[in-house]
C-alpha cells in the first residue's frame, strides 16, 4: 500500500468514527428529551395523586373531627348529669345528717 491509500483509509476511518459519534450524540439527545418528557409526565401524575390524597386526608380529618365533637358533647352531657347527681346526693346527705342531728338533740 502506498501513502496515498493509507491517508484515504485514515480519512475514511475518521469520517466513519465521526458519523458513529454523531449518531450516538443524536440518540443521546433523543433519549434525554424522552426522559425529560417522562419526568414531566410523572411529576404531573405525582402532583395529581398528591392533590387527591390531600383532599382525601382533609375529608377524613373533618369526619374524625365531627366524630370527636359528637363524642365530646356526649361526654360533656354525661359529666353534667353526674355533677347533678352528685349535687342531689350531697343535698340528700345533708338533709339526712340534719335529721340525725335533730333526732339526737331530742
N, C-alpha and C. Protein backbone atom coordinates (compact mmCIF):
# COMPACT_ATOMS: atom_id res chain seq x y z
N UNK A 1 0.85 -1.18 0.00
CA UNK A 1 0.00 0.00 0.00
C UNK A 1 0.89 1.24 0.00
N UNK A 2 0.46 2.15 -0.77
CA UNK A 2 1.27 3.37 -0.80
C UNK A 2 0.69 4.38 0.19
N UNK A 3 1.36 5.51 0.33
CA UNK A 3 0.99 6.52 1.31
C UNK A 3 -0.36 7.15 1.03
N UNK A 4 -0.73 7.26 -0.26
CA UNK A 4 -2.00 7.88 -0.61
C UNK A 4 -3.16 7.01 -0.15
N UNK A 5 -3.02 5.73 -0.32
CA UNK A 5 -4.08 4.80 0.10
C UNK A 5 -4.23 4.80 1.62
N UNK A 6 -3.13 4.90 2.32
CA UNK A 6 -3.18 4.92 3.78
C UNK A 6 -3.89 6.18 4.26
N UNK A 7 -3.61 7.29 3.66
CA UNK A 7 -4.26 8.56 4.04
C UNK A 7 -5.75 8.46 3.76
N UNK A 8 -6.13 7.90 2.63
CA UNK A 8 -7.55 7.74 2.29
C UNK A 8 -8.22 6.81 3.31
N UNK A 9 -7.53 5.76 3.69
CA UNK A 9 -8.07 4.82 4.68
C UNK A 9 -8.27 5.54 6.01
N UNK A 10 -7.29 6.31 6.46
CA UNK A 10 -7.41 7.04 7.73
C UNK A 10 -8.53 8.08 7.66
N UNK A 11 -8.65 8.77 6.56
CA UNK A 11 -9.72 9.76 6.39
C UNK A 11 -11.07 9.07 6.44
N UNK A 12 -11.18 7.92 5.79
CA UNK A 12 -12.43 7.16 5.79
C UNK A 12 -12.76 6.70 7.21
N UNK A 13 -11.73 6.25 7.92
CA UNK A 13 -11.96 5.81 9.31
C UNK A 13 -12.39 6.98 10.18
N UNK A 14 -11.77 8.13 9.98
CA UNK A 14 -12.13 9.32 10.78
C UNK A 14 -13.56 9.73 10.47
N UNK A 15 -13.93 9.71 9.21
CA UNK A 15 -15.31 10.05 8.83
C UNK A 15 -16.29 9.05 9.43
N UNK A 16 -15.94 7.76 9.39
CA UNK A 16 -16.80 6.74 9.97
C UNK A 16 -16.96 6.94 11.48
N UNK A 17 -15.83 7.20 12.16
CA UNK A 17 -15.88 7.41 13.62
C UNK A 17 -16.71 8.65 13.93
N UNK A 18 -16.54 9.72 13.14
CA UNK A 18 -17.33 10.94 13.36
C UNK A 18 -18.82 10.67 13.13
N UNK A 19 -19.14 9.88 12.11
CA UNK A 19 -20.53 9.56 11.84
C UNK A 19 -21.13 8.76 12.99
N UNK A 20 -20.39 7.77 13.47
CA UNK A 20 -20.87 6.96 14.61
C UNK A 20 -21.05 7.85 15.84
N UNK A 21 -20.09 8.72 16.11
CA UNK A 21 -20.20 9.63 17.27
C UNK A 21 -21.40 10.55 17.11
N UNK A 22 -21.60 11.05 15.90
CA UNK A 22 -22.77 11.90 15.64
C UNK A 22 -24.07 11.16 15.89
N UNK A 23 -24.11 9.90 15.45
CA UNK A 23 -25.29 9.07 15.68
C UNK A 23 -25.53 8.89 17.17
N UNK A 24 -24.48 8.57 17.91
CA UNK A 24 -24.61 8.38 19.35
C UNK A 24 -25.07 9.67 20.05
N UNK A 25 -24.53 10.80 19.61
CA UNK A 25 -24.94 12.07 20.20
C UNK A 25 -26.41 12.34 19.92
N UNK A 26 -26.85 12.11 18.68
CA UNK A 26 -28.26 12.37 18.34
C UNK A 26 -29.18 11.42 19.12
N UNK A 27 -28.78 10.16 19.23
CA UNK A 27 -29.58 9.20 20.01
C UNK A 27 -29.61 9.63 21.48
N UNK A 28 -28.48 10.09 21.99
CA UNK A 28 -28.41 10.53 23.38
C UNK A 28 -29.35 11.72 23.62
N UNK A 29 -29.35 12.69 22.69
CA UNK A 29 -30.26 13.83 22.83
C UNK A 29 -31.72 13.38 22.79
N UNK A 30 -32.00 12.43 21.90
CA UNK A 30 -33.37 11.90 21.83
C UNK A 30 -33.77 11.24 23.14
N UNK A 31 -32.88 10.45 23.70
CA UNK A 31 -33.17 9.81 24.98
C UNK A 31 -33.34 10.84 26.09
N UNK A 32 -32.50 11.86 26.04
CA UNK A 32 -32.61 12.92 27.05
C UNK A 32 -33.98 13.59 26.97
N UNK A 33 -34.43 13.90 25.77
CA UNK A 33 -35.75 14.52 25.59
C UNK A 33 -36.87 13.60 26.07
N UNK A 34 -36.74 12.31 25.75
CA UNK A 34 -37.73 11.35 26.22
C UNK A 34 -37.77 11.29 27.74
N UNK A 35 -36.59 11.31 28.37
CA UNK A 35 -36.52 11.27 29.83
C UNK A 35 -37.12 12.53 30.44
N UNK A 36 -36.86 13.68 29.82
CA UNK A 36 -37.43 14.93 30.31
C UNK A 36 -38.95 14.91 30.20
N UNK A 37 -39.46 14.40 29.07
CA UNK A 37 -40.91 14.29 28.90
C UNK A 37 -41.51 13.33 29.91
N UNK A 38 -40.83 12.21 30.12
CA UNK A 38 -41.30 11.24 31.10
C UNK A 38 -41.27 11.84 32.50
N UNK A 39 -40.22 12.59 32.80
CA UNK A 39 -40.12 13.25 34.10
C UNK A 39 -41.27 14.23 34.29
N UNK A 40 -41.56 15.01 33.27
CA UNK A 40 -42.66 15.98 33.35
C UNK A 40 -43.98 15.26 33.55
N UNK A 41 -44.19 14.18 32.82
CA UNK A 41 -45.42 13.41 32.95
C UNK A 41 -45.55 12.81 34.34
N UNK A 42 -44.47 12.25 34.84
CA UNK A 42 -44.50 11.65 36.17
C UNK A 42 -44.74 12.70 37.25
N UNK A 43 -44.16 13.88 37.07
CA UNK A 43 -44.38 14.96 38.05
C UNK A 43 -45.85 15.37 38.05
N UNK A 44 -46.45 15.45 36.86
CA UNK A 44 -47.88 15.79 36.79
C UNK A 44 -48.72 14.73 37.47
N UNK A 45 -48.40 13.47 37.21
CA UNK A 45 -49.15 12.37 37.84
C UNK A 45 -48.98 12.42 39.36
N UNK A 46 -47.76 12.66 39.79
CA UNK A 46 -47.49 12.71 41.23
C UNK A 46 -48.24 13.87 41.87
N UNK A 47 -48.22 15.03 41.24
CA UNK A 47 -48.94 16.18 41.77
C UNK A 47 -50.44 15.92 41.82
N UNK A 48 -50.94 15.24 40.80
CA UNK A 48 -52.36 14.91 40.77
C UNK A 48 -52.71 13.96 41.92
N UNK A 49 -51.90 12.92 42.08
CA UNK A 49 -52.15 11.98 43.18
C UNK A 49 -52.00 12.66 44.53
N UNK A 50 -51.02 13.54 44.64
CA UNK A 50 -50.81 14.27 45.88
C UNK A 50 -52.02 15.13 46.21
N UNK A 51 -52.57 15.78 45.21
CA UNK A 51 -53.75 16.62 45.41
C UNK A 51 -54.94 15.76 45.84
N UNK A 52 -55.10 14.61 45.21
CA UNK A 52 -56.18 13.70 45.58
C UNK A 52 -56.02 13.22 47.01
N UNK A 53 -54.80 12.89 47.40
CA UNK A 53 -54.55 12.44 48.77
C UNK A 53 -54.82 13.55 49.78
N UNK A 54 -54.46 14.78 49.41
CA UNK A 54 -54.75 15.90 50.30
C UNK A 54 -56.25 16.04 50.53
N UNK A 55 -57.02 15.92 49.45
CA UNK A 55 -58.47 16.03 49.57
C UNK A 55 -59.01 14.89 50.44
N UNK A 56 -58.52 13.69 50.18
CA UNK A 56 -58.98 12.53 50.96
C UNK A 56 -58.62 12.68 52.43
N UNK A 57 -57.41 13.09 52.70
CA UNK A 57 -56.98 13.27 54.09
C UNK A 57 -57.79 14.38 54.75
N UNK A 58 -58.05 15.45 54.01
CA UNK A 58 -58.87 16.54 54.55
C UNK A 58 -60.26 16.07 54.92
N UNK A 59 -60.87 15.26 54.04
CA UNK A 59 -62.20 14.72 54.35
C UNK A 59 -62.15 13.80 55.56
N UNK A 60 -61.13 12.95 55.61
CA UNK A 60 -61.00 12.03 56.74
C UNK A 60 -60.83 12.79 58.05
N UNK A 61 -60.00 13.83 58.01
CA UNK A 61 -59.79 14.61 59.23
C UNK A 61 -61.05 15.34 59.65
N UNK A 62 -61.78 15.86 58.68
CA UNK A 62 -63.02 16.55 59.01
C UNK A 62 -64.04 15.58 59.61
N UNK A 63 -64.10 14.39 59.03
CA UNK A 63 -65.01 13.36 59.56
C UNK A 63 -64.61 12.96 60.98
N UNK A 64 -63.32 12.81 61.20
CA UNK A 64 -62.84 12.46 62.54
C UNK A 64 -63.14 13.59 63.51
N UNK A 65 -62.97 14.83 63.07
CA UNK A 65 -63.26 15.98 63.93
C UNK A 65 -64.73 15.98 64.33
N UNK A 66 -65.60 15.75 63.35
CA UNK A 66 -67.04 15.71 63.68
C UNK A 66 -67.35 14.59 64.67
N UNK A 67 -66.77 13.43 64.44
CA UNK A 67 -67.00 12.31 65.35
C UNK A 67 -66.47 12.64 66.75
N UNK A 68 -65.31 13.28 66.81
CA UNK A 68 -64.76 13.66 68.12
C UNK A 68 -65.66 14.68 68.81
N UNK A 69 -66.22 15.61 68.04
CA UNK A 69 -67.11 16.61 68.63
C UNK A 69 -68.37 15.97 69.17
N UNK A 70 -68.92 15.01 68.44
CA UNK A 70 -70.11 14.30 68.92
C UNK A 70 -69.77 13.55 70.21
N UNK A 71 -68.63 12.90 70.21
CA UNK A 71 -68.18 12.18 71.40
C UNK A 71 -67.96 13.14 72.57
N UNK A 72 -67.36 14.27 72.29
CA UNK A 72 -67.11 15.27 73.33
C UNK A 72 -68.42 15.79 73.91
N UNK A 73 -69.39 16.08 73.03
CA UNK A 73 -70.68 16.56 73.50
C UNK A 73 -71.37 15.52 74.38
N UNK A 74 -71.29 14.27 73.98
CA UNK A 74 -71.91 13.20 74.78
C UNK A 74 -71.22 13.09 76.14
N UNK A 75 -69.89 13.17 76.15
CA UNK A 75 -69.18 13.10 77.44
C UNK A 75 -69.52 14.30 78.30
N UNK A 76 -69.66 15.47 77.69
CA UNK A 76 -69.99 16.67 78.45
C UNK A 76 -71.38 16.54 79.08
N UNK A 77 -72.33 16.00 78.33
CA UNK A 77 -73.67 15.79 78.88
C UNK A 77 -73.63 14.80 80.04
N UNK A 78 -72.86 13.72 79.87
CA UNK A 78 -72.73 12.75 80.96
C UNK A 78 -72.10 13.38 82.19
N UNK A 79 -71.11 14.23 81.96
CA UNK A 79 -70.47 14.93 83.07
C UNK A 79 -71.46 15.82 83.79
N UNK A 80 -72.28 16.53 83.03
CA UNK A 80 -73.28 17.40 83.66
C UNK A 80 -74.28 16.58 84.46
N UNK A 81 -74.69 15.44 83.92
CA UNK A 81 -75.62 14.56 84.66
C UNK A 81 -74.97 14.04 85.94
N UNK A 82 -73.71 13.65 85.86
CA UNK A 82 -73.02 13.15 87.05
C UNK A 82 -72.85 14.26 88.08
N UNK A 83 -72.58 15.48 87.63
CA UNK A 83 -72.47 16.60 88.56
C UNK A 83 -73.81 16.84 89.27
N UNK A 84 -74.88 16.78 88.46
CA UNK A 84 -76.21 16.99 89.06
C UNK A 84 -76.53 15.87 90.05
N UNK A 85 -76.20 14.63 89.71
CA UNK A 85 -76.40 13.51 90.64
C UNK A 85 -75.61 13.73 91.91
N UNK A 86 -74.38 14.20 91.76
CA UNK A 86 -73.52 14.47 92.91
C UNK A 86 -74.13 15.54 93.81
N UNK A 87 -74.64 16.61 93.18
CA UNK A 87 -75.28 17.69 93.96
C UNK A 87 -76.51 17.16 94.68
N UNK A 88 -77.32 16.37 93.99
CA UNK A 88 -78.52 15.78 94.60
C UNK A 88 -78.15 14.89 95.78
N UNK A 89 -77.11 14.06 95.59
CA UNK A 89 -76.69 13.17 96.68
C UNK A 89 -76.14 13.96 97.86
N UNK A 90 -75.41 15.02 97.59
CA UNK A 90 -74.90 15.85 98.68
C UNK A 90 -76.03 16.52 99.44
N UNK A 91 -77.06 16.98 98.72
CA UNK A 91 -78.21 17.58 99.38
C UNK A 91 -78.95 16.54 100.22
N UNK A 92 -79.10 15.34 99.68
CA UNK A 92 -79.76 14.26 100.41
C UNK A 92 -78.98 13.93 101.68
N UNK A 93 -77.65 13.85 101.52
CA UNK A 93 -76.79 13.54 102.66
C UNK A 93 -76.90 14.64 103.71
N UNK A 94 -76.92 15.86 103.28
CA UNK A 94 -77.03 16.99 104.20
C UNK A 94 -78.35 16.93 104.96
N UNK A 95 -79.45 16.63 104.25
CA UNK A 95 -80.76 16.52 104.90
C UNK A 95 -80.76 15.37 105.90
N UNK A 96 -80.15 14.26 105.50
CA UNK A 96 -80.09 13.09 106.38
C UNK A 96 -79.29 13.44 107.64
N UNK A 97 -78.19 14.11 107.46
CA UNK A 97 -77.36 14.49 108.61
C UNK A 97 -78.10 15.48 109.50
N UNK A 98 -78.85 16.39 108.90
CA UNK A 98 -79.63 17.36 109.70
C UNK A 98 -80.70 16.63 110.50
N UNK A 99 -81.33 15.63 109.88
CA UNK A 99 -82.37 14.86 110.60
C UNK A 99 -81.73 14.12 111.76
N UNK A 100 -80.58 13.53 111.55
CA UNK A 100 -79.91 12.78 112.61
C UNK A 100 -79.54 13.70 113.76
N UNK A 101 -79.03 14.88 113.41
CA UNK A 101 -78.63 15.80 114.48
C UNK A 101 -79.86 16.29 115.24
N UNK A 102 -81.00 16.48 114.55
CA UNK A 102 -82.23 16.89 115.23
C UNK A 102 -82.75 15.76 116.12
N UNK A 103 -82.67 14.54 115.63
CA UNK A 103 -83.11 13.39 116.43
C UNK A 103 -82.24 13.22 117.65
N UNK A 104 -80.97 13.46 117.52
CA UNK A 104 -80.06 13.31 118.64
C UNK A 104 -80.31 14.42 119.68
N UNK A 105 -80.72 15.58 119.22
CA UNK A 105 -81.00 16.67 120.13
C UNK A 105 -82.24 16.38 120.94
N UNK A 106 -83.18 15.67 120.42
CA UNK A 106 -84.44 15.37 121.11
C UNK A 106 -84.29 14.21 121.98
